[in-house]
Amino acid sequence: MEFSLEVVTLAVHDVDEAKAFYTEKLGFALDVDYHPRDGFRVVQVTPPGSACSIQFGDGLTDAAPGSARANYLVVADLAAAHEELAARGIKVSDIRHKSPVDTWDGGFAPGVDPDRRSYASMADFADPDGNTWTLQEIRRS
């Protein structure tokens, strides 16, 4: 049986602020902004190149705003992604890589992995509510 992850739901304080962050700052596509009645609204956005979308709104979850932690966004070139997000005004952590990669025990060194190995390099940022995202470099041949 195949499973396909379609949507991740985030809790946010201000739907319009979150919508602006994900579409205007991050450049995610706006799939839907559906508000059929008071107390219910769903905004769905999709990162460029992703098969999985993100939704937030009113009446979707009882989770606390900002409680989604360590969500991963995969990029082919972490340095370029970091530069682009910083240029868009997003506060992104410094890039770090697992060290040593082969026997990693939780330590990191600054910068991208010198050998650009997949899963070794990352950086982090948060949305306006504090939901956190980890950018991870995966190099596909």
C-alpha atoms as a PDB file:
ATOM      1  CA  MET A   1       0.000   0.000   0.000  1.00  0.00           C
ATOM      2  CA  GLU A   2       1.264   3.469  -0.863  1.00  0.00           C
ATOM      3  CA  PHE A   3       0.792   6.465   1.389  1.00  0.00           C
ATOM      4  CA  SER A   4       1.120  10.059   0.307  1.00  0.00           C
ATOM      5  CA  LEU A   5       1.593  12.905   2.769  1.00  0.00           C
ATOM      6  CA  GLU A   6      -0.626  15.659   1.387  1.00  0.00           C
ATOM      7  CA  VAL A   7      -1.030  18.354   4.052  1.00  0.00           C
ATOM      8  CA  VAL A   8       0.613  19.465   7.291  1.00  0.00           C
ATOM      9  CA  THR A   9      -1.581  21.625   9.553  1.00  0.00           C
ATOM     10  CA  LEU A  10      -0.067  24.510  11.526  1.00  0.00           C
ATOM     11  CA  ALA A  11      -1.653  26.507  14.327  1.00  0.00           C
ATOM     12  CA  VAL A  12      -1.281  30.282  13.942  1.00  0.00           C
ATOM     13  CA  HIS A  13      -2.494  33.382  15.803  1.00  0.00           C
ATOM     14  CA  ASP A  14      -3.195  35.571  12.768  1.00  0.00           C
ATOM     15  CA  VAL A  15      -4.226  33.845   9.542  1.00  0.00           C
ATOM     16  CA  ASP A  16      -3.582  36.878   7.344  1.00  0.00           C
ATOM     17  CA  GLU A  17      -0.102  37.412   8.807  1.00  0.00           C
ATOM     18  CA  ALA A  18       0.732  33.729   8.272  1.00  0.00           C
ATOM     19  CA  LYS A  19      -0.644  33.865   4.719  1.00  0.00           C
ATOM     20  CA  ALA A  20       1.557  36.882   3.923  1.00  0.00           C
ATOM     21  CA  PHE A  21       4.628  35.208   5.437  1.00  0.00           C
ATOM     22  CA  TYR A  22       4.246  31.948   3.537  1.00  0.00           C
ATOM     23  CA  THR A  23       3.218  33.480   0.193  1.00  0.00           C
ATOM     24  CA  GLU A  24       5.016  36.831   0.076  1.00  0.00           C
ATOM     25  CA  LYS A  25       8.135  36.129   2.160  1.00  0.00           C
ATOM     26  CA  LEU A  26       8.712  32.437   1.396  1.00  0.00           C
ATOM     27  CA  GLY A  27       7.200  32.446  -2.095  1.00  0.00           C
ATOM     28  CA  PHE A  28       4.886  29.464  -1.530  1.00  0.00           C
ATOM     29  CA  ALA A  29       1.938  29.111  -3.918  1.00  0.00           C
ATOM     30  CA  LEU A  30      -1.487  29.977  -2.531  1.00  0.00           C
ATOM     31  CA  ASP A  31      -3.710  26.990  -3.299  1.00  0.00           C
ATOM     32  CA  VAL A  32      -6.864  28.036  -1.490  1.00  0.00           C
ATOM     33  CA  ASP A  33      -8.224  30.614   0.916  1.00  0.00           C
ATOM     34  CA  TYR A  34     -11.637  29.253   1.872  1.00  0.00           C
ATOM     35  CA  HIS A  35     -13.793  31.108   4.405  1.00  0.00           C
ATOM     36  CA  PRO A  36     -17.389  29.856   4.088  1.00  0.00           C
ATOM     37  CA  ARG A  37     -18.553  31.050   7.525  1.00  0.00           C
ATOM     38  CA  ASP A  38     -17.466  32.766  10.723  1.00  0.00           C
ATOM     39  CA  GLY A  39     -15.158  30.605  12.814  1.00  0.00           C
ATOM     40  CA  PHE A  40     -13.876  28.539   9.910  1.00  0.00           C
ATOM     41  CA  ARG A  41     -11.190  29.404   7.382  1.00  0.00           C
ATOM     42  CA  VAL A  42      -8.580  27.299   5.667  1.00  0.00           C
ATOM     43  CA  VAL A  43      -5.578  28.688   3.837  1.00  0.00           C
ATOM     44  CA  GLN A  44      -3.452  26.164   1.990  1.00  0.00           C
ATOM     45  CA  VAL A  45      -0.021  26.917   0.537  1.00  0.00           C
ATOM     46  CA  THR A  46       2.513  24.729  -1.223  1.00  0.00           C
ATOM     47  CA  PRO A  47       6.297  25.149  -1.324  1.00  0.00           C
ATOM     48  CA  PRO A  48       7.689  25.284  -4.874  1.00  0.00           C
ATOM     49  CA  GLY A  49       8.422  21.743  -6.066  1.00  0.00           C
ATOM     50  CA  SER A  50       6.627  20.052  -3.168  1.00  0.00           C
ATOM     51  CA  ALA A  51       3.903  17.418  -3.334  1.00  0.00           C
ATOM     52  CA  CYS A  52       2.903  18.241   0.266  1.00  0.00           C
ATOM     53  CA  SER A  53       1.069  21.407   1.240  1.00  0.00           C
ATOM     54  CA  ILE A  54       0.718  23.377   4.468  1.00  0.00           C
ATOM     55  CA  GLN A  55      -2.601  24.566   5.831  1.00  0.00           C
ATOM     56  CA  PHE A  56      -3.556  26.943   8.620  1.00  0.00           C
ATOM     57  CA  GLY A  57      -6.636  28.915   9.471  1.00  0.00           C
ATOM     58  CA  ASP A  58      -9.507  29.138  11.931  1.00  0.00           C
ATOM     59  CA  GLY A  59     -11.275  26.079  13.304  1.00  0.00           C
ATOM     60  CA  LEU A  60      -8.716  23.579  11.978  1.00  0.00           C
ATOM     61  CA  THR A  61      -6.835  22.471  15.090  1.00  0.00           C
ATOM     62  CA  ASP A  62      -6.813  22.917  18.830  1.00  0.00           C
ATOM     63  CA  ALA A  63      -2.992  22.936  18.891  1.00  0.00           C
ATOM     64  CA  ALA A  64      -1.309  26.009  20.346  1.00  0.00           C
ATOM     65  CA  PRO A  65      -0.053  28.528  17.775  1.00  0.00           C
ATOM     66  CA  GLY A  66       3.669  28.035  17.226  1.00  0.00           C
ATOM     67  CA  SER A  67       3.678  24.462  18.524  1.00  0.00           C
ATOM     68  CA  ALA A  68       4.783  22.806  15.259  1.00  0.00           C
ATOM     69  CA  ARG A  69       8.482  22.082  15.676  1.00  0.00           C
ATOM     70  CA  ALA A  70      11.275  20.741  13.492  1.00  0.00           C
ATOM     71  CA  ASN A  71       9.385  20.592  10.210  1.00  0.00           C
ATOM     72  CA  TYR A  72      11.802  19.910   7.361  1.00  0.00           C
ATOM     73  CA  LEU A  73      12.030  21.628   4.002  1.00  0.00           C
ATOM     74  CA  VAL A  74      14.469  19.916   1.644  1.00  0.00           C
ATOM     75  CA  VAL A  75      16.591  21.946  -0.764  1.00  0.00           C
ATOM     76  CA  ALA A  76      19.183  20.938  -3.342  1.00  0.00           C
ATOM     77  CA  ASP A  77      21.493  23.883  -2.559  1.00  0.00           C
ATOM     78  CA  LEU A  78      21.375  25.025   1.050  1.00  0.00           C
ATOM     79  CA  ALA A  79      23.722  27.984   0.548  1.00  0.00           C
ATOM     80  CA  ALA A  80      21.531  29.364  -2.258  1.00  0.00           C
ATOM     81  CA  ALA A  81      18.324  28.784  -0.275  1.00  0.00           C
ATOM     82  CA  HIS A  82      19.836  30.476   2.783  1.00  0.00           C
ATOM     83  CA  GLU A  83      20.888  33.473   0.699  1.00  0.00           C
ATOM     84  CA  GLU A  84      17.463  33.777  -0.941  1.00  0.00           C
ATOM     85  CA  LEU A  85      15.538  33.597   2.335  1.00  0.00           C
ATOM     86  CA  ALA A  86      17.842  36.114   4.009  1.00  0.00           C
ATOM     87  CA  ALA A  87      17.362  38.460   1.032  1.00  0.00           C
ATOM     88  CA  ARG A  88      13.583  38.140   1.540  1.00  0.00           C
ATOM     89  CA  GLY A  89      14.018  39.358   5.114  1.00  0.00           C
ATOM     90  CA  ILE A  90      13.686  36.004   6.853  1.00  0.00           C
ATOM     91  CA  LYS A  91      15.919  35.458   9.877  1.00  0.00           C
ATOM     92  CA  VAL A  92      17.704  32.192   9.092  1.00  0.00           C
ATOM     93  CA  SER A  93      20.228  30.581  11.406  1.00  0.00           C
ATOM     94  CA  ASP A  94      23.792  30.091  10.296  1.00  0.00           C
ATOM     95  CA  ILE A  95      24.356  27.013   8.161  1.00  0.00           C
ATOM     96  CA  ARG A  96      25.839  24.074  10.041  1.00  0.00           C
ATOM     97  CA  HIS A  97      26.795  20.522   9.194  1.00  0.00           C
ATOM     98  CA  LYS A  98      27.060  17.302  11.152  1.00  0.00           C
ATOM     99  CA  SER A  99      30.567  16.690  12.370  1.00  0.00           C
ATOM    100  CA  PRO A 100      31.900  14.129  11.994  1.00  0.00           C
ATOM    101  CA  VAL A 101      29.271  12.894   9.539  1.00  0.00           C
ATOM    102  CA  ASP A 102      30.254   9.223   9.466  1.00  0.00           C
ATOM    103  CA  THR A 103      30.128   8.752  13.243  1.00  0.00           C
ATOM    104  CA  TRP A 104      27.891  11.685  14.141  1.00  0.00           C
ATOM    105  CA  ASP A 105      27.267  12.009  17.867  1.00  0.00           C
ATOM    106  CA  GLY A 106      25.291  15.254  17.773  1.00  0.00           C
ATOM    107  CA  GLY A 107      28.071  17.734  17.046  1.00  0.00           C
ATOM    108  CA  PHE A 108      28.062  20.389  14.343  1.00  0.00           C
ATOM    109  CA  ALA A 109      30.624  22.501  12.507  1.00  0.00           C
ATOM    110  CA  PRO A 110      29.889  25.789  10.744  1.00  0.00           C
ATOM    111  CA  GLY A 111      29.020  25.947   7.051  1.00  0.00           C
ATOM    112  CA  VAL A 112      27.868  23.352   4.569  1.00  0.00           C
ATOM    113  CA  ASP A 113      29.390  19.891   4.656  1.00  0.00           C
ATOM    114  CA  PRO A 114      32.676  20.159   2.717  1.00  0.00           C
ATOM    115  CA  ASP A 115      31.724  17.087   0.662  1.00  0.00           C
ATOM    116  CA  ARG A 116      28.117  18.323   0.211  1.00  0.00           C
ATOM    117  CA  ARG A 117      26.761  14.984   1.446  1.00  0.00           C
ATOM    118  CA  SER A 118      22.990  14.664   1.581  1.00  0.00           C
ATOM    119  CA  TYR A 119      21.361  15.058   4.992  1.00  0.00           C
ATOM    120  CA  ALA A 120      24.524  16.556   6.506  1.00  0.00           C
ATOM    121  CA  SER A 121      23.862  20.319   6.265  1.00  0.00           C
ATOM    122  CA  MET A 122      21.037  22.406   7.685  1.00  0.00           C
ATOM    123  CA  ALA A 123      19.782  25.798   8.821  1.00  0.00           C
ATOM    124  CA  ASP A 124      16.647  26.865  10.684  1.00  0.00           C
ATOM    125  CA  PHE A 125      14.008  29.587  10.667  1.00  0.00           C
ATOM    126  CA  ALA A 126      10.626  30.229  12.256  1.00  0.00           C
ATOM    127  CA  ASP A 127       7.343  31.670  11.049  1.00  0.00           C
ATOM    128  CA  PRO A 128       5.774  34.669  12.871  1.00  0.00           C
ATOM    129  CA  ASP A 129       4.097  32.312  15.371  1.00  0.00           C
ATOM    130  CA  GLY A 130       7.235  30.354  16.203  1.00  0.00           C
ATOM    131  CA  ASN A 131       6.518  27.223  14.162  1.00  0.00           C
ATOM    132  CA  THR A 132      10.020  26.070  13.267  1.00  0.00           C
ATOM    133  CA  TRP A 133      11.455  24.841   9.999  1.00  0.00           C
ATOM    134  CA  THR A 134      14.739  23.117   9.249  1.00  0.00           C
ATOM    135  CA  LEU A 135      16.210  23.529   5.784  1.00  0.00           C
ATOM    136  CA  GLN A 136      18.137  20.380   4.922  1.00  0.00           C
ATOM    137  CA  GLU A 137      20.313  19.877   1.880  1.00  0.00           C
ATOM    138  CA  ILE A 138      19.703  16.696  -0.077  1.00  0.00           C
ATOM    139  CA  ARG A 139      21.723  16.404  -3.271  1.00  0.00           C
ATOM    140  CA  ARG A 140      20.044  14.219  -5.855  1.00  0.00           C
ATOM    141  CA  SER A 141      22.081  13.039  -8.837  1.00  0.00           C
END
